[in-house]
Amino acid sequence: MPPISTRWSDTTPEMLDMFLELHRNMTATQKLSRVFELKDLLLQLSLADVRRCYPQASETEVFLRMAARRLPRDLMLRVYGWHPDLDTKP
């Protein structure tokens, strides 16, 4: 049985079937909970990256750099009056 797509090319058909079956059997609440868990993980990874790239950053700078990753430049400037592209300290 060939993979469904190249996305699953590193997964055996048996494991893919098991994965899909587990997801089919999840309740809507469980699926939504998984989405929030993954969102939290992504936020933690992004925060760790900001702290790695800017180890001397204050908590304010870390907050602003995190916001700048999620907000468009013009909104970031309008709301916070700062953007990392400006090369200034917040």
PDB file of N, CA and C in Angstrom:
ATOM      1  N   MET A   1       0.862  -1.188   0.000  1.00  0.00           N
ATOM      2  CA  MET A   1       0.000   0.000   0.000  1.00  0.00           C
ATOM      3  C   MET A   1       0.902   1.244   0.000  1.00  0.00           C
ATOM      4  N   PRO A   2       0.831   2.082  -1.030  1.00  0.00           N
ATOM      5  CA  PRO A   2       1.674   3.296  -1.083  1.00  0.00           C
ATOM      6  C   PRO A   2       1.197   4.327  -0.064  1.00  0.00           C
ATOM      7  N   PRO A   3       2.106   5.236   0.336  1.00  0.00           N
ATOM      8  CA  PRO A   3       1.688   6.275   1.289  1.00  0.00           C
ATOM      9  C   PRO A   3       0.583   7.143   0.712  1.00  0.00           C
ATOM     10  N   ILE A   4      -0.255   7.687   1.597  1.00  0.00           N
ATOM     11  CA  ILE A   4      -1.350   8.551   1.172  1.00  0.00           C
ATOM     12  C   ILE A   4      -0.803   9.786   0.466  1.00  0.00           C
ATOM     13  N   SER A   5       0.270  10.322   0.987  1.00  0.00           N
ATOM     14  CA  SER A   5       0.925  11.468   0.372  1.00  0.00           C
ATOM     15  C   SER A   5       2.372  11.452   0.809  1.00  0.00           C
ATOM     16  N   THR A   6       3.165  12.350   0.275  1.00  0.00           N
ATOM     17  CA  THR A   6       4.570  12.410   0.686  1.00  0.00           C
ATOM     18  C   THR A   6       4.682  12.822   2.140  1.00  0.00           C
ATOM     19  N   ARG A   7       3.658  13.459   2.692  1.00  0.00           N
ATOM     20  CA  ARG A   7       3.670  13.841   4.107  1.00  0.00           C
ATOM     21  C   ARG A   7       3.847  12.613   4.986  1.00  0.00           C
ATOM     22  N   TRP A   8       3.316  11.496   4.568  1.00  0.00           N
ATOM     23  CA  TRP A   8       3.359  10.278   5.377  1.00  0.00           C
ATOM     24  C   TRP A   8       4.403   9.289   4.853  1.00  0.00           C
ATOM     25  N   SER A   9       5.304   9.715   3.999  1.00  0.00           N
ATOM     26  CA  SER A   9       6.236   8.792   3.355  1.00  0.00           C
ATOM     27  C   SER A   9       7.185   8.117   4.341  1.00  0.00           C
ATOM     28  N   ASP A  10       7.368   8.690   5.532  1.00  0.00           N
ATOM     29  CA  ASP A  10       8.252   8.071   6.524  1.00  0.00           C
ATOM     30  C   ASP A  10       7.481   7.208   7.526  1.00  0.00           C
ATOM     31  N   THR A  11       6.212   6.977   7.260  1.00  0.00           N
ATOM     32  CA  THR A  11       5.352   6.232   8.179  1.00  0.00           C
ATOM     33  C   THR A  11       4.871   4.957   7.494  1.00  0.00           C
ATOM     34  N   THR A  12       4.979   3.851   8.210  1.00  0.00           N
ATOM     35  CA  THR A  12       4.498   2.600   7.622  1.00  0.00           C
ATOM     36  C   THR A  12       2.969   2.651   7.524  1.00  0.00           C
ATOM     37  N   PRO A  13       2.409   1.950   6.578  1.00  0.00           N
ATOM     38  CA  PRO A  13       0.940   1.939   6.451  1.00  0.00           C
ATOM     39  C   PRO A  13       0.245   1.481   7.731  1.00  0.00           C
ATOM     40  N   GLU A  14       0.843   0.519   8.438  1.00  0.00           N
ATOM     41  CA  GLU A  14       0.233   0.028   9.678  1.00  0.00           C
ATOM     42  C   GLU A  14       0.195   1.130  10.749  1.00  0.00           C
ATOM     43  N   MET A  15       1.290   1.870  10.878  1.00  0.00           N
ATOM     44  CA  MET A  15       1.345   2.941  11.877  1.00  0.00           C
ATOM     45  C   MET A  15       0.409   4.089  11.490  1.00  0.00           C
ATOM     46  N   LEU A  16       0.318   4.372  10.212  1.00  0.00           N
ATOM     47  CA  LEU A  16      -0.604   5.409   9.762  1.00  0.00           C
ATOM     48  C   LEU A  16      -2.041   5.007  10.065  1.00  0.00           C
ATOM     49  N   ASP A  17      -2.376   3.757   9.807  1.00  0.00           N
ATOM     50  CA  ASP A  17      -3.728   3.274  10.125  1.00  0.00           C
ATOM     51  C   ASP A  17      -4.005   3.400  11.622  1.00  0.00           C
ATOM     52  N   MET A  18      -3.020   3.064  12.447  1.00  0.00           N
ATOM     53  CA  MET A  18      -3.195   3.150  13.894  1.00  0.00           C
ATOM     54  C   MET A  18      -3.378   4.613  14.319  1.00  0.00           C
ATOM     55  N   PHE A  19      -2.552   5.489  13.762  1.00  0.00           N
ATOM     56  CA  PHE A  19      -2.643   6.916  14.069  1.00  0.00           C
ATOM     57  C   PHE A  19      -4.024   7.463  13.707  1.00  0.00           C
ATOM     58  N   LEU A  20      -4.479   7.145  12.502  1.00  0.00           N
ATOM     59  CA  LEU A  20      -5.780   7.640  12.049  1.00  0.00           C
ATOM     60  C   LEU A  20      -6.916   7.065  12.899  1.00  0.00           C
ATOM     61  N   GLU A  21      -6.808   5.811  13.259  1.00  0.00           N
ATOM     62  CA  GLU A  21      -7.842   5.191  14.092  1.00  0.00           C
ATOM     63  C   GLU A  21      -7.903   5.854  15.469  1.00  0.00           C
ATOM     64  N   LEU A  22      -6.742   6.139  16.055  1.00  0.00           N
ATOM     65  CA  LEU A  22      -6.721   6.832  17.347  1.00  0.00           C
ATOM     66  C   LEU A  22      -7.426   8.185  17.248  1.00  0.00           C
ATOM     67  N   HIS A  23      -7.167   8.902  16.166  1.00  0.00           N
ATOM     68  CA  HIS A  23      -7.804  10.215  15.992  1.00  0.00           C
ATOM     69  C   HIS A  23      -9.296  10.096  15.707  1.00  0.00           C
ATOM     70  N   ARG A  24      -9.673   9.092  14.972  1.00  0.00           N
ATOM     71  CA  ARG A  24     -11.102   8.887  14.715  1.00  0.00           C
ATOM     72  C   ARG A  24     -11.866   8.605  16.000  1.00  0.00           C
ATOM     73  N   ASN A  25     -11.211   7.939  16.939  1.00  0.00           N
ATOM     74  CA  ASN A  25     -11.873   7.556  18.184  1.00  0.00           C
ATOM     75  C   ASN A  25     -11.844   8.652  19.250  1.00  0.00           C
ATOM     76  N   MET A  26     -11.136   9.737  18.991  1.00  0.00           N
ATOM     77  CA  MET A  26     -11.088  10.838  19.961  1.00  0.00           C
ATOM     78  C   MET A  26     -12.407  11.606  19.926  1.00  0.00           C
ATOM     79  N   THR A  27     -12.834  12.051  21.095  1.00  0.00           N
ATOM     80  CA  THR A  27     -14.015  12.912  21.149  1.00  0.00           C
ATOM     81  C   THR A  27     -13.623  14.309  20.667  1.00  0.00           C
ATOM     82  N   ALA A  28     -14.625  15.121  20.384  1.00  0.00           N
ATOM     83  CA  ALA A  28     -14.363  16.499  19.968  1.00  0.00           C
ATOM     84  C   ALA A  28     -13.593  17.247  21.062  1.00  0.00           C
ATOM     85  N   THR A  29     -13.946  16.980  22.307  1.00  0.00           N
ATOM     86  CA  THR A  29     -13.259  17.623  23.435  1.00  0.00           C
ATOM     87  C   THR A  29     -11.794  17.218  23.473  1.00  0.00           C
ATOM     88  N   GLN A  30     -11.508  15.949  23.245  1.00  0.00           N
ATOM     89  CA  GLN A  30     -10.120  15.482  23.235  1.00  0.00           C
ATOM     90  C   GLN A  30      -9.335  16.120  22.082  1.00  0.00           C
ATOM     91  N   LYS A  31      -9.967  16.221  20.915  1.00  0.00           N
ATOM     92  CA  LYS A  31      -9.296  16.837  19.768  1.00  0.00           C
ATOM     93  C   LYS A  31      -8.999  18.306  20.036  1.00  0.00           C
ATOM     94  N   LEU A  32      -9.968  19.007  20.598  1.00  0.00           N
ATOM     95  CA  LEU A  32      -9.762  20.423  20.909  1.00  0.00           C
ATOM     96  C   LEU A  32      -8.681  20.584  21.973  1.00  0.00           C
ATOM     97  N   SER A  33      -8.677  19.711  22.949  1.00  0.00           N
ATOM     98  CA  SER A  33      -7.642  19.737  23.984  1.00  0.00           C
ATOM     99  C   SER A  33      -6.264  19.549  23.362  1.00  0.00           C
ATOM    100  N   ARG A  34      -6.151  18.657  22.404  1.00  0.00           N
ATOM    101  CA  ARG A  34      -4.879  18.419  21.710  1.00  0.00           C
ATOM    102  C   ARG A  34      -4.438  19.669  20.959  1.00  0.00           C
ATOM    103  N   VAL A  35      -5.375  20.356  20.330  1.00  0.00           N
ATOM    104  CA  VAL A  35      -5.048  21.600  19.629  1.00  0.00           C
ATOM    105  C   VAL A  35      -4.459  22.623  20.588  1.00  0.00           C
ATOM    106  N   PHE A  36      -5.081  22.786  21.759  1.00  0.00           N
ATOM    107  CA  PHE A  36      -4.576  23.743  22.741  1.00  0.00           C
ATOM    108  C   PHE A  36      -3.219  23.320  23.297  1.00  0.00           C
ATOM    109  N   GLU A  37      -3.013  22.022  23.489  1.00  0.00           N
ATOM    110  CA  GLU A  37      -1.714  21.534  23.940  1.00  0.00           C
ATOM    111  C   GLU A  37      -0.628  21.871  22.914  1.00  0.00           C
ATOM    112  N   LEU A  38      -0.937  21.659  21.640  1.00  0.00           N
ATOM    113  CA  LEU A  38       0.036  21.958  20.586  1.00  0.00           C
ATOM    114  C   LEU A  38       0.294  23.463  20.471  1.00  0.00           C
ATOM    115  N   LYS A  39      -0.750  24.268  20.674  1.00  0.00           N
ATOM    116  CA  LYS A  39      -0.581  25.722  20.659  1.00  0.00           C
ATOM    117  C   LYS A  39       0.345  26.154  21.789  1.00  0.00           C
ATOM    118  N   ASP A  40       0.145  25.581  22.983  1.00  0.00           N
ATOM    119  CA  ASP A  40       1.002  25.896  24.125  1.00  0.00           C
ATOM    120  C   ASP A  40       2.445  25.480  23.856  1.00  0.00           C
ATOM    121  N   LEU A  41       2.635  24.321  23.247  1.00  0.00           N
ATOM    122  CA  LEU A  41       3.981  23.859  22.921  1.00  0.00           C
ATOM    123  C   LEU A  41       4.650  24.818  21.949  1.00  0.00           C
ATOM    124  N   LEU A  42       3.922  25.254  20.931  1.00  0.00           N
ATOM    125  CA  LEU A  42       4.470  26.199  19.954  1.00  0.00           C
ATOM    126  C   LEU A  42       4.858  27.510  20.628  1.00  0.00           C
ATOM    127  N   LEU A  43       4.034  27.987  21.537  1.00  0.00           N
ATOM    128  CA  LEU A  43       4.336  29.213  22.274  1.00  0.00           C
ATOM    129  C   LEU A  43       5.598  29.044  23.118  1.00  0.00           C
ATOM    130  N   GLN A  44       5.725  27.915  23.794  1.00  0.00           N
ATOM    131  CA  GLN A  44       6.910  27.643  24.614  1.00  0.00           C
ATOM    132  C   GLN A  44       8.175  27.577  23.753  1.00  0.00           C
ATOM    133  N   LEU A  45       8.082  26.945  22.588  1.00  0.00           N
ATOM    134  CA  LEU A  45       9.236  26.868  21.695  1.00  0.00           C
ATOM    135  C   LEU A  45       9.627  28.247  21.171  1.00  0.00           C
ATOM    136  N   SER A  46       8.639  29.058  20.829  1.00  0.00           N
ATOM    137  CA  SER A  46       8.907  30.407  20.352  1.00  0.00           C
ATOM    138  C   SER A  46       9.556  31.249  21.449  1.00  0.00           C
ATOM    139  N   LEU A  47       9.046  31.129  22.668  1.00  0.00           N
ATOM    140  CA  LEU A  47       9.614  31.855  23.804  1.00  0.00           C
ATOM    141  C   LEU A  47      11.058  31.413  24.055  1.00  0.00           C
ATOM    142  N   ALA A  48      11.309  30.124  23.995  1.00  0.00           N
ATOM    143  CA  ALA A  48      12.667  29.616  24.192  1.00  0.00           C
ATOM    144  C   ALA A  48      13.602  30.155  23.108  1.00  0.00           C
ATOM    145  N   ASP A  49      13.111  30.267  21.885  1.00  0.00           N
ATOM    146  CA  ASP A  49      13.934  30.799  20.800  1.00  0.00           C
ATOM    147  C   ASP A  49      14.268  32.273  21.027  1.00  0.00           C
ATOM    148  N   VAL A  50      13.292  33.063  21.468  1.00  0.00           N
ATOM    149  CA  VAL A  50      13.552  34.476  21.758  1.00  0.00           C
ATOM    150  C   VAL A  50      14.602  34.589  22.860  1.00  0.00           C
ATOM    151  N   ARG A  51      14.444  33.799  23.897  1.00  0.00           N
ATOM    152  CA  ARG A  51      15.413  33.848  25.012  1.00  0.00           C
ATOM    153  C   ARG A  51      16.803  33.379  24.577  1.00  0.00           C
ATOM    154  N   ARG A  52      16.860  32.416  23.651  1.00  0.00           N
ATOM    155  CA  ARG A  52      18.144  31.936  23.137  1.00  0.00           C
ATOM    156  C   ARG A  52      18.820  32.999  22.280  1.00  0.00           C
ATOM    157  N   CYS A  53      18.038  33.641  21.433  1.00  0.00           N
ATOM    158  CA  CYS A  53      18.595  34.667  20.534  1.00  0.00           C
ATOM    159  C   CYS A  53      18.954  35.961  21.260  1.00  0.00           C
ATOM    160  N   TYR A  54      18.248  36.265  22.345  1.00  0.00           N
ATOM    161  CA  TYR A  54      18.448  37.523  23.080  1.00  0.00           C
ATOM    162  C   TYR A  54      18.579  37.223  24.575  1.00  0.00           C
ATOM    163  N   PRO A  55      19.687  36.579  24.971  1.00  0.00           N
ATOM    164  CA  PRO A  55      19.825  36.157  26.369  1.00  0.00           C
ATOM    165  C   PRO A  55      19.857  37.316  27.367  1.00  0.00           C
ATOM    166  N   GLN A  56      20.220  38.505  26.934  1.00  0.00           N
ATOM    167  CA  GLN A  56      20.274  39.651  27.843  1.00  0.00           C
ATOM    168  C   GLN A  56      18.967  40.452  27.850  1.00  0.00           C
ATOM    169  N   ALA A  57      17.977  40.006  27.115  1.00  0.00           N
ATOM    170  CA  ALA A  57      16.720  40.758  26.996  1.00  0.00           C
ATOM    171  C   ALA A  57      15.971  40.787  28.326  1.00  0.00           C
ATOM    172  N   SER A  58      15.403  41.953  28.607  1.00  0.00           N
ATOM    173  CA  SER A  58      14.548  42.094  29.787  1.00  0.00           C
ATOM    174  C   SER A  58      13.218  41.382  29.516  1.00  0.00           C
ATOM    175  N   GLU A  59      12.422  41.220  30.558  1.00  0.00           N
ATOM    176  CA  GLU A  59      11.108  40.603  30.374  1.00  0.00           C
ATOM    177  C   GLU A  59      10.246  41.429  29.421  1.00  0.00           C
ATOM    178  N   THR A  60      10.379  42.743  29.483  1.00  0.00           N
ATOM    179  CA  THR A  60       9.626  43.622  28.571  1.00  0.00           C
ATOM    180  C   THR A  60      10.041  43.369  27.128  1.00  0.00           C
ATOM    181  N   GLU A  61      11.351  43.283  26.896  1.00  0.00           N
ATOM    182  CA  GLU A  61      11.831  43.036  25.532  1.00  0.00           C
ATOM    183  C   GLU A  61      11.393  41.664  25.039  1.00  0.00           C
ATOM    184  N   VAL A  62      11.447  40.661  25.897  1.00  0.00           N
ATOM    185  CA  VAL A  62      10.996  39.321  25.507  1.00  0.00           C
ATOM    186  C   VAL A  62       9.513  39.378  25.121  1.00  0.00           C
ATOM    187  N   PHE A  63       8.704  40.050  25.928  1.00  0.00           N
ATOM    188  CA  PHE A  63       7.278  40.192  25.627  1.00  0.00           C
ATOM    189  C   PHE A  63       7.076  40.856  24.263  1.00  0.00           C
ATOM    190  N   LEU A  64       7.794  41.953  24.023  1.00  0.00           N
ATOM    191  CA  LEU A  64       7.635  42.684  22.769  1.00  0.00           C
ATOM    192  C   LEU A  64       8.109  41.865  21.570  1.00  0.00           C
ATOM    193  N   ARG A  65       9.199  41.145  21.731  1.00  0.00           N
ATOM    194  CA  ARG A  65       9.687  40.317  20.625  1.00  0.00           C
ATOM    195  C   ARG A  65       8.716  39.172  20.334  1.00  0.00           C
ATOM    196  N   MET A  66       8.094  38.639  21.365  1.00  0.00           N
ATOM    197  CA  MET A  66       7.078  37.607  21.146  1.00  0.00           C
ATOM    198  C   MET A  66       5.870  38.207  20.419  1.00  0.00           C
ATOM    199  N   ALA A  67       5.456  39.390  20.836  1.00  0.00           N
ATOM    200  CA  ALA A  67       4.328  40.049  20.179  1.00  0.00           C
ATOM    201  C   ALA A  67       4.651  40.335  18.723  1.00  0.00           C
ATOM    202  N   ALA A  68       5.889  40.758  18.458  1.00  0.00           N
ATOM    203  CA  ALA A  68       6.298  41.095  17.090  1.00  0.00           C
ATOM    204  C   ALA A  68       6.278  39.874  16.174  1.00  0.00           C
ATOM    205  N   ARG A  69       6.400  38.708  16.741  1.00  0.00           N
ATOM    206  CA  ARG A  69       6.324  37.484  15.932  1.00  0.00           C
ATOM    207  C   ARG A  69       4.900  37.177  15.500  1.00  0.00           C
ATOM    208  N   ARG A  70       3.936  37.744  16.185  1.00  0.00           N
ATOM    209  CA  ARG A  70       2.537  37.423  15.885  1.00  0.00           C
ATOM    210  C   ARG A  70       1.756  38.577  15.270  1.00  0.00           C
ATOM    211  N   LEU A  71       2.248  39.785  15.434  1.00  0.00           N
ATOM    212  CA  LEU A  71       1.510  40.949  14.942  1.00  0.00           C
ATOM    213  C   LEU A  71       2.167  41.528  13.697  1.00  0.00           C
ATOM    214  N   PRO A  72       1.376  42.072  12.786  1.00  0.00           N
ATOM    215  CA  PRO A  72       1.952  42.766  11.635  1.00  0.00           C
ATOM    216  C   PRO A  72       2.754  43.981  12.114  1.00  0.00           C
ATOM    217  N   ARG A  73       3.759  44.354  11.345  1.00  0.00           N
ATOM    218  CA  ARG A  73       4.662  45.446  11.724  1.00  0.00           C
ATOM    219  C   ARG A  73       3.907  46.726  12.055  1.00  0.00           C
ATOM    220  N   ASP A  74       2.969  47.119  11.188  1.00  0.00           N
ATOM    221  CA  ASP A  74       2.257  48.388  11.411  1.00  0.00           C
ATOM    222  C   ASP A  74       1.433  48.359  12.704  1.00  0.00           C
ATOM    223  N   LEU A  75       0.814  47.227  13.010  1.00  0.00           N
ATOM    224  CA  LEU A  75       0.045  47.120  14.245  1.00  0.00           C
ATOM    225  C   LEU A  75       0.980  47.132  15.455  1.00  0.00           C
ATOM    226  N   MET A  76       2.094  46.464  15.348  1.00  0.00           N
ATOM    227  CA  MET A  76       3.080  46.448  16.438  1.00  0.00           C
ATOM    228  C   MET A  76       3.548  47.872  16.743  1.00  0.00           C
ATOM    229  N   LEU A  77       3.823  48.636  15.708  1.00  0.00           N
ATOM    230  CA  LEU A  77       4.266  50.021  15.897  1.00  0.00           C
ATOM    231  C   LEU A  77       3.157  50.886  16.478  1.00  0.00           C
ATOM    232  N   ARG A  78       1.942  50.682  16.001  1.00  0.00           N
ATOM    233  CA  ARG A  78       0.821  51.479  16.489  1.00  0.00           C
ATOM    234  C   ARG A  78       0.499  51.187  17.955  1.00  0.00           C
ATOM    235  N   VAL A  79       0.528  49.909  18.329  1.00  0.00           N
ATOM    236  CA  VAL A  79       0.141  49.516  19.684  1.00  0.00           C
ATOM    237  C   VAL A  79       1.274  49.718  20.685  1.00  0.00           C
ATOM    238  N   TYR A  80       2.481  49.280  20.316  1.00  0.00           N
ATOM    239  CA  TYR A  80       3.596  49.301  21.265  1.00  0.00           C
ATOM    240  C   TYR A  80       4.658  50.358  20.952  1.00  0.00           C
ATOM    241  N   GLY A  81       4.581  50.966  19.756  1.00  0.00           N
ATOM    242  CA  GLY A  81       5.562  51.978  19.383  1.00  0.00           C
ATOM    243  C   GLY A  81       6.962  51.414  19.207  1.00  0.00           C
ATOM    244  N   TRP A  82       7.053  50.118  18.921  1.00  0.00           N
ATOM    245  CA  TRP A  82       8.357  49.468  18.777  1.00  0.00           C
ATOM    246  C   TRP A  82       8.223  48.268  17.854  1.00  0.00           C
ATOM    247  N   HIS A  83       9.298  48.019  17.139  1.00  0.00           N
ATOM    248  CA  HIS A  83       9.383  46.814  16.321  1.00  0.00           C
ATOM    249  C   HIS A  83      10.842  46.417  16.223  1.00  0.00           C
ATOM    250  N   PRO A  84      11.169  45.113  16.218  1.00  0.00           N
ATOM    251  CA  PRO A  84      12.561  44.701  16.182  1.00  0.00           C
ATOM    252  C   PRO A  84      13.321  45.213  14.955  1.00  0.00           C
ATOM    253  N   ASP A  85      12.629  45.463  13.868  1.00  0.00           N
ATOM    254  CA  ASP A  85      13.298  45.999  12.667  1.00  0.00           C
ATOM    255  C   ASP A  85      13.918  47.361  12.906  1.00  0.00           C
ATOM    256  N   LEU A  86      13.441  48.079  13.914  1.00  0.00           N
ATOM    257  CA  LEU A  86      13.945  49.432  14.176  1.00  0.00           C
ATOM    258  C   LEU A  86      15.338  49.412  14.809  1.00  0.00           C
ATOM    259  N   ASP A  87      15.759  48.233  15.273  1.00  0.00           N
ATOM    260  CA  ASP A  87      17.083  48.079  15.875  1.00  0.00           C
ATOM    261  C   ASP A  87      17.299  48.990  17.079  1.00  0.00           C
ATOM    262  N   THR A  88      16.257  49.167  17.854  1.00  0.00           N
ATOM    263  CA  THR A  88      16.374  49.960  19.075  1.00  0.00           C
ATOM    264  C   THR A  88      15.972  49.083  20.253  1.00  0.00           C
ATOM    265  N   LYS A  89      16.365  49.489  21.424  1.00  0.00           N
ATOM    266  CA  LYS A  89      15.963  48.771  22.629  1.00  0.00           C
ATOM    267  C   LYS A  89      14.562  49.222  23.006  1.00  0.00           C
ATOM    268  N   PRO A  90      13.714  48.305  23.393  1.00  0.00           N
ATOM    269  CA  PRO A  90      12.364  48.716  23.822  1.00  0.00           C
ATOM    270  C   PRO A  90      12.409  49.430  25.159  1.00  0.00           C
TER     271      PRO A  90
END
